[in-house]
Amino acid sequence: MDGDRSMDRFLEANRSLWDSLVSIHQRSAFYNLEAFLVGGSSLLAIEREEAGPVEGRRLLHLQCHFGMDTLSWARLGAQATGIDFSPRAIEAACTLRDRLGLAAEFICCDLYDLPLHLEKRFQIVFTSYGVLCWLPDLPRWGQIVAHFLEPGGRFVLVEGHPFLNVFANGPKESNLRVTYSYFHRPDPTRWEGDGDYADPQAQVDLPSYEWTHSLADILNALLQAGLELESLREFPLAMCPYFPFQEQRPDGYWQMEGGLESIPMLFSLRMRKR
C-alpha cells in the first residue's frame, strides 16, 4: 500500500498540532475527562447504534486521539485497538488505559502505514467525528479499512457532513453563508490557529492543513475497496457547535436554534466486507 508521500510535510504539521492539543483536550469541559474517569462513556447514541453489540468482538479504532472512545468500546466488552499518528495522544491513551485498568492496545503510526505495524484482522473497524479532513488520499484510506476487516466484518463511520464545509463558521456569523467549495482539491486548505473546537479560548499557535471530501468521494473510496453498503444516514445534528447559532440538546448533540432541521450536519455510514 505504498503511495505518494508528497503530502508528508502537511501531515507532519498536523501531527505537531495534534500533539499540542492533547493537554488542551484533557482539561476541556468538552471531553469531560473527569466524568469518564468515574465510569462515563464518550460514545454518543449514533455510533453505538451503528456498531451494534461489540462484546467479545475485535474492534479497530482509526484516528483514536487520546483513547476515550477506544476505551469506551473496551468498557462495552470489545477487544479494542486504537491507532493515532500523535505520539502524545497515544502516550496519554496508554496512561489512561493503565489508570483505569482496561484492556486495550494502542499503536502510534500514520494511518497509511498501519499495515507495517499491525497484522490482525478485525470484526469491526470504526472511526468518527472530524477524521476525514486530515486525510489527503481517500482511496488509500478505503484500502486500509478493507485490509483490516475480516470477511463479513463491518466498517462504521460517523462523521460531520461534508456539506457543512461550504459555510463560513466564524464566531460572528449570524446565518448560513456559502463561502467554500464542496469539492475535493489535491492541495489542502491552510487554517491558522484560532481557538479550538474543544476550547474556543485556548491559545493554539500552530496551523492546520485540511482536505475536503464530498459524500461521493467517501462512499466511492469504500466501494472501490470492495466493501458493500449497508446503511447511509443523514442527521440535522452535530457533535460539536459549528456555528454560533446552535444549541446543545440533552443527549449531547448540537442542533440549530429552535430545533430547525434545515441542513444535514452529521452522517453515518455502515459497510460490510464480502
Protein backbone atom coordinates (compact mmCIF):
# COMPACT_ATOMS: atom_id res chain seq x y z
CA MET A 1 0.00 0.00 0.00
CA ASP A 2 2.89 2.32 -0.68
CA GLY A 3 1.74 5.67 -2.02
CA ASP A 4 2.63 9.24 -2.80
CA ARG A 5 4.47 10.87 0.11
CA SER A 6 4.30 14.41 -1.28
CA MET A 7 1.82 15.34 1.43
CA ASP A 8 4.13 14.35 4.26
CA ARG A 9 5.03 17.96 5.14
CA PHE A 10 1.37 18.73 5.73
CA LEU A 11 0.85 15.57 7.76
CA GLU A 12 3.87 16.42 9.92
CA ALA A 13 2.49 19.89 10.59
CA ASN A 14 -0.84 18.37 11.56
CA ARG A 15 0.90 15.88 13.83
CA SER A 16 2.58 18.76 15.67
CA LEU A 17 -0.78 20.46 16.04
CA TRP A 18 -2.45 17.35 17.47
CA ASP A 19 0.45 16.77 19.84
CA SER A 20 -0.16 20.27 21.20
CA LEU A 21 -3.93 19.72 21.52
CA VAL A 22 -3.76 16.67 23.80
CA SER A 23 -3.31 18.60 27.05
CA ILE A 24 -5.91 21.21 26.00
CA HIS A 25 -8.45 18.49 25.30
CA GLN A 26 -7.74 16.60 28.50
CA ARG A 27 -8.53 19.75 30.50
CA SER A 28 -11.60 20.76 28.48
CA ALA A 29 -15.22 20.52 29.52
CA PHE A 30 -15.94 19.26 26.01
CA TYR A 31 -14.13 15.95 26.63
CA ASN A 32 -15.17 15.85 30.30
CA LEU A 33 -12.37 13.52 31.31
CA GLU A 34 -13.42 13.67 34.97
CA ALA A 35 -16.76 12.01 34.19
CA PHE A 36 -15.02 9.42 32.06
CA LEU A 37 -12.65 8.50 34.87
CA VAL A 38 -15.57 7.57 37.12
CA GLY A 39 -17.24 5.32 34.57
CA GLY A 40 -18.70 7.58 31.90
CA SER A 41 -18.68 6.88 28.17
CA SER A 42 -17.55 9.22 25.40
CA LEU A 43 -19.69 7.39 22.82
CA LEU A 44 -22.89 9.02 21.62
CA ALA A 45 -26.04 7.19 20.59
CA ILE A 46 -25.48 7.11 16.84
CA GLU A 47 -22.11 5.34 16.89
CA ARG A 48 -23.32 2.81 19.47
CA GLU A 49 -26.37 2.05 17.33
CA GLU A 50 -24.38 1.72 14.11
CA ALA A 51 -21.74 -0.56 15.61
CA GLY A 52 -24.28 -2.81 17.30
CA PRO A 53 -23.19 -5.28 20.00
CA VAL A 54 -19.41 -5.24 20.46
CA GLU A 55 -18.88 -7.59 23.42
CA GLY A 56 -16.15 -10.09 22.58
CA ARG A 57 -15.56 -8.57 19.14
CA ARG A 58 -12.22 -7.38 17.81
CA LEU A 59 -12.59 -3.65 17.11
CA LEU A 60 -10.06 -1.37 15.42
CA HIS A 61 -10.47 2.35 16.08
CA LEU A 62 -8.76 4.55 13.47
CA GLN A 63 -7.58 8.05 14.48
CA CYS A 64 -8.37 7.43 18.13
CA HIS A 65 -6.81 10.63 19.61
CA PHE A 66 -6.10 10.06 23.34
CA GLY A 67 -8.26 6.97 23.55
CA MET A 68 -11.54 7.84 25.24
CA ASP A 69 -13.71 6.28 22.53
CA THR A 70 -11.44 3.25 22.24
CA LEU A 71 -11.64 2.70 25.98
CA SER A 72 -15.40 3.28 25.92
CA TRP A 73 -15.65 0.40 23.43
CA ALA A 74 -13.47 -1.66 25.76
CA ARG A 75 -15.86 -0.90 28.62
CA LEU A 76 -18.62 -2.36 26.44
CA GLY A 77 -16.61 -5.57 26.08
CA ALA A 78 -14.81 -5.05 22.78
CA GLN A 79 -11.27 -6.27 22.23
CA ALA A 80 -10.26 -2.75 21.22
CA THR A 81 -7.20 -1.48 19.38
CA GLY A 82 -6.73 2.25 18.79
CA ILE A 83 -4.29 3.90 16.41
CA ASP A 84 -3.28 7.54 16.04
CA PHE A 85 -0.39 9.44 14.49
CA SER A 86 0.23 11.66 17.53
CA PRO A 87 2.84 10.29 19.96
CA ARG A 88 1.50 12.47 22.78
CA ALA A 89 -2.04 11.26 22.16
CA ILE A 90 -1.02 7.60 22.25
CA GLU A 91 1.08 8.19 25.36
CA ALA A 92 -1.95 9.78 27.03
CA ALA A 93 -4.19 6.91 25.85
CA CYS A 94 -1.87 4.31 27.37
CA THR A 95 -1.70 6.25 30.64
CA LEU A 96 -5.49 6.48 30.74
CA ARG A 97 -5.86 2.77 29.97
CA ASP A 98 -3.46 1.78 32.72
CA ARG A 99 -5.07 4.13 35.23
CA LEU A 100 -8.48 2.58 34.56
CA GLY A 101 -7.22 -1.00 34.35
CA LEU A 102 -8.86 -1.57 30.97
CA ALA A 103 -7.65 -3.97 28.28
CA ALA A 104 -6.91 -2.15 25.03
CA GLU A 105 -3.98 -1.89 22.64
CA PHE A 106 -2.70 1.44 21.29
CA ILE A 107 -0.41 1.90 18.30
CA CYS A 108 1.29 5.14 17.25
CA CYS A 109 1.69 5.40 13.48
CA ASP A 110 0.42 7.20 10.43
CA LEU A 111 -2.83 5.65 9.28
CA TYR A 112 -1.40 4.92 5.84
CA ASP A 113 1.50 3.00 7.42
CA LEU A 114 -0.69 0.84 9.65
CA PRO A 115 -0.16 -2.42 7.67
CA LEU A 116 3.53 -2.16 8.65
CA HIS A 117 2.61 -2.12 12.36
CA LEU A 118 -0.40 -4.40 12.71
CA GLU A 119 -1.16 -7.87 11.35
CA LYS A 120 -4.51 -8.70 12.97
CA ARG A 121 -7.89 -8.56 11.24
CA PHE A 122 -10.99 -7.19 12.92
CA GLN A 123 -14.72 -7.77 13.02
CA ILE A 124 -15.38 -4.05 13.35
CA VAL A 125 -13.37 -1.06 12.08
CA PHE A 126 -14.60 2.23 13.49
CA THR A 127 -13.79 5.91 13.07
CA SER A 128 -15.69 9.07 13.93
CA TYR A 129 -16.04 12.83 14.11
CA GLY A 130 -13.55 15.12 12.43
CA VAL A 131 -11.33 12.41 11.00
CA LEU A 132 -11.55 12.59 7.20
CA CYS A 133 -10.40 16.19 6.76
CA TRP A 134 -6.90 15.13 7.85
CA LEU A 135 -6.54 12.52 5.09
CA PRO A 136 -5.23 13.58 1.66
CA ASP A 137 -5.95 10.26 -0.09
CA LEU A 138 -9.34 8.64 0.49
CA PRO A 139 -8.89 5.72 -1.95
CA ARG A 140 -5.86 4.59 0.07
CA TRP A 141 -7.86 5.10 3.26
CA GLY A 142 -10.58 2.85 1.86
CA GLN A 143 -7.98 0.19 1.11
CA ILE A 144 -6.70 0.39 4.69
CA VAL A 145 -10.21 -0.07 6.05
CA ALA A 146 -10.85 -3.09 3.81
CA HIS A 147 -7.43 -4.58 4.57
CA PHE A 148 -8.11 -4.78 8.30
CA LEU A 149 -11.65 -6.13 8.09
CA GLU A 150 -12.10 -9.87 8.15
CA PRO A 151 -14.68 -11.32 5.70
CA GLY A 152 -18.13 -10.42 6.98
CA GLY A 153 -16.67 -7.62 9.10
CA ARG A 154 -18.34 -4.22 9.47
CA PHE A 155 -16.98 -0.72 8.96
CA VAL A 156 -18.68 2.08 10.90
CA LEU A 157 -18.12 5.77 10.17
CA VAL A 158 -19.88 8.63 11.96
CA GLU A 159 -18.69 12.00 10.72
CA GLY A 160 -19.56 15.63 10.22
CA HIS A 161 -21.48 16.01 6.98
CA PRO A 162 -19.23 17.38 4.20
CA PHE A 163 -21.98 19.79 3.19
CA LEU A 164 -21.11 21.81 6.32
CA ASN A 165 -17.74 22.63 4.81
CA VAL A 166 -19.27 25.12 2.35
CA PHE A 167 -20.37 27.53 5.09
CA ALA A 168 -18.42 30.20 6.94
CA ASN A 169 -18.45 29.30 10.63
CA GLY A 170 -16.68 32.10 12.48
CA PRO A 171 -17.91 33.39 15.86
CA LYS A 172 -19.54 36.45 14.27
CA GLU A 173 -21.62 34.56 11.71
CA SER A 174 -25.37 35.10 12.10
CA ASN A 175 -26.69 32.85 9.33
CA LEU A 176 -25.63 30.24 6.81
CA ARG A 177 -23.32 31.83 4.24
CA VAL A 178 -21.83 29.76 1.40
CA THR A 179 -18.11 30.54 1.27
CA TYR A 180 -16.09 27.44 0.36
CA SER A 181 -16.17 24.74 -2.29
CA TYR A 182 -17.84 21.42 -1.54
CA PHE A 183 -15.47 19.51 -3.79
CA HIS A 184 -12.06 17.98 -3.12
CA ARG A 185 -8.83 19.61 -4.23
CA PRO A 186 -5.44 17.84 -4.07
CA ASP A 187 -3.78 20.62 -2.07
CA PRO A 188 -5.05 21.25 1.45
CA THR A 189 -6.52 24.42 2.87
CA ARG A 190 -4.34 26.06 5.49
CA TRP A 191 -6.12 27.28 8.61
CA GLU A 192 -4.40 29.47 11.17
CA GLY A 193 -4.71 28.60 14.86
CA ASP A 194 -7.66 30.44 16.38
CA GLY A 195 -9.02 28.65 19.41
CA ASP A 196 -10.14 25.04 19.25
CA TYR A 197 -13.41 23.16 18.96
CA ALA A 198 -12.97 21.77 22.48
CA ASP A 199 -11.93 25.11 24.00
CA PRO A 200 -12.54 28.25 21.90
CA GLN A 201 -10.45 30.28 24.37
CA ALA A 202 -7.38 28.05 24.07
CA GLN A 203 -4.17 29.51 22.71
CA VAL A 204 -3.40 27.49 19.57
CA ASP A 205 -0.48 28.92 17.59
CA LEU A 206 0.05 26.16 15.03
CA PRO A 207 -1.67 25.98 11.63
CA SER A 208 -3.62 23.02 10.31
CA TYR A 209 -3.87 21.63 6.78
CA GLU A 210 -7.19 20.06 5.86
CA TRP A 211 -8.78 18.41 2.84
CA THR A 212 -12.43 18.50 1.81
CA HIS A 213 -14.06 15.26 0.61
CA SER A 214 -17.55 15.04 -0.82
CA LEU A 215 -20.01 12.38 0.25
CA ALA A 216 -19.45 10.71 -3.12
CA ASP A 217 -15.67 10.69 -2.53
CA ILE A 218 -16.15 8.96 0.81
CA LEU A 219 -18.60 6.35 -0.38
CA ASN A 220 -16.74 5.58 -3.61
CA ALA A 221 -13.42 5.10 -1.78
CA LEU A 222 -15.01 2.32 0.27
CA LEU A 223 -16.98 0.76 -2.61
CA GLN A 224 -13.85 0.67 -4.77
CA ALA A 225 -12.02 -1.08 -1.94
CA GLY A 226 -14.59 -3.87 -2.15
CA LEU A 227 -16.95 -3.02 0.70
CA GLU A 228 -20.71 -3.26 0.36
CA LEU A 229 -23.08 -0.55 1.54
CA GLU A 230 -25.44 -1.50 4.36
CA SER A 231 -26.67 1.90 5.51
CA LEU A 232 -26.19 5.62 4.86
CA ARG A 233 -28.00 8.03 7.20
CA GLU A 234 -28.01 11.82 7.50
CA PHE A 235 -28.93 13.85 10.58
CA PRO A 236 -29.78 17.53 11.31
CA LEU A 237 -27.43 17.26 14.31
CA ALA A 238 -23.75 17.82 15.07
CA MET A 239 -21.46 16.54 17.81
CA CYS A 240 -19.97 19.99 18.41
CA PRO A 241 -21.09 23.55 17.58
CA TYR A 242 -20.11 24.52 14.04
CA PHE A 243 -21.97 27.84 14.14
CA PRO A 244 -22.71 30.37 16.91
CA PHE A 245 -26.45 29.95 16.25
CA GLN A 246 -26.61 26.38 17.53
CA GLU A 247 -27.78 24.98 20.86
CA GLN A 248 -26.95 21.76 22.68
CA ARG A 249 -29.56 19.09 23.27
CA PRO A 250 -29.80 16.99 26.43
CA ASP A 251 -28.38 13.98 24.56
CA GLY A 252 -25.13 15.83 23.79
CA TYR A 253 -25.75 16.63 20.13
CA TRP A 254 -26.00 20.17 18.77
CA GLN A 255 -28.87 21.46 16.67
CA MET A 256 -29.87 24.72 15.01
CA GLU A 257 -31.55 27.21 17.34
CA GLY A 258 -35.17 26.32 17.87
CA GLY A 259 -34.61 22.79 16.62
CA LEU A 260 -34.76 23.88 12.96
CA GLU A 261 -33.99 20.83 10.81
CA SER A 262 -32.67 22.68 7.75
CA ILE A 263 -29.41 21.05 6.68
CA PRO A 264 -27.54 17.78 7.28
CA MET A 265 -24.78 18.22 9.85
CA LEU A 266 -23.87 14.61 10.55
CA PHE A 267 -23.93 11.34 8.64
CA SER A 268 -23.28 7.70 9.41
CA LEU A 269 -22.10 5.01 7.06
CA ARG A 270 -22.14 1.27 7.65
CA MET A 271 -20.31 -1.02 5.21
CA ARG A 272 -19.57 -4.73 5.15
CA LYS A 273 -16.69 -6.71 3.68
CA ARG A 274 -17.72 -9.57 1.44
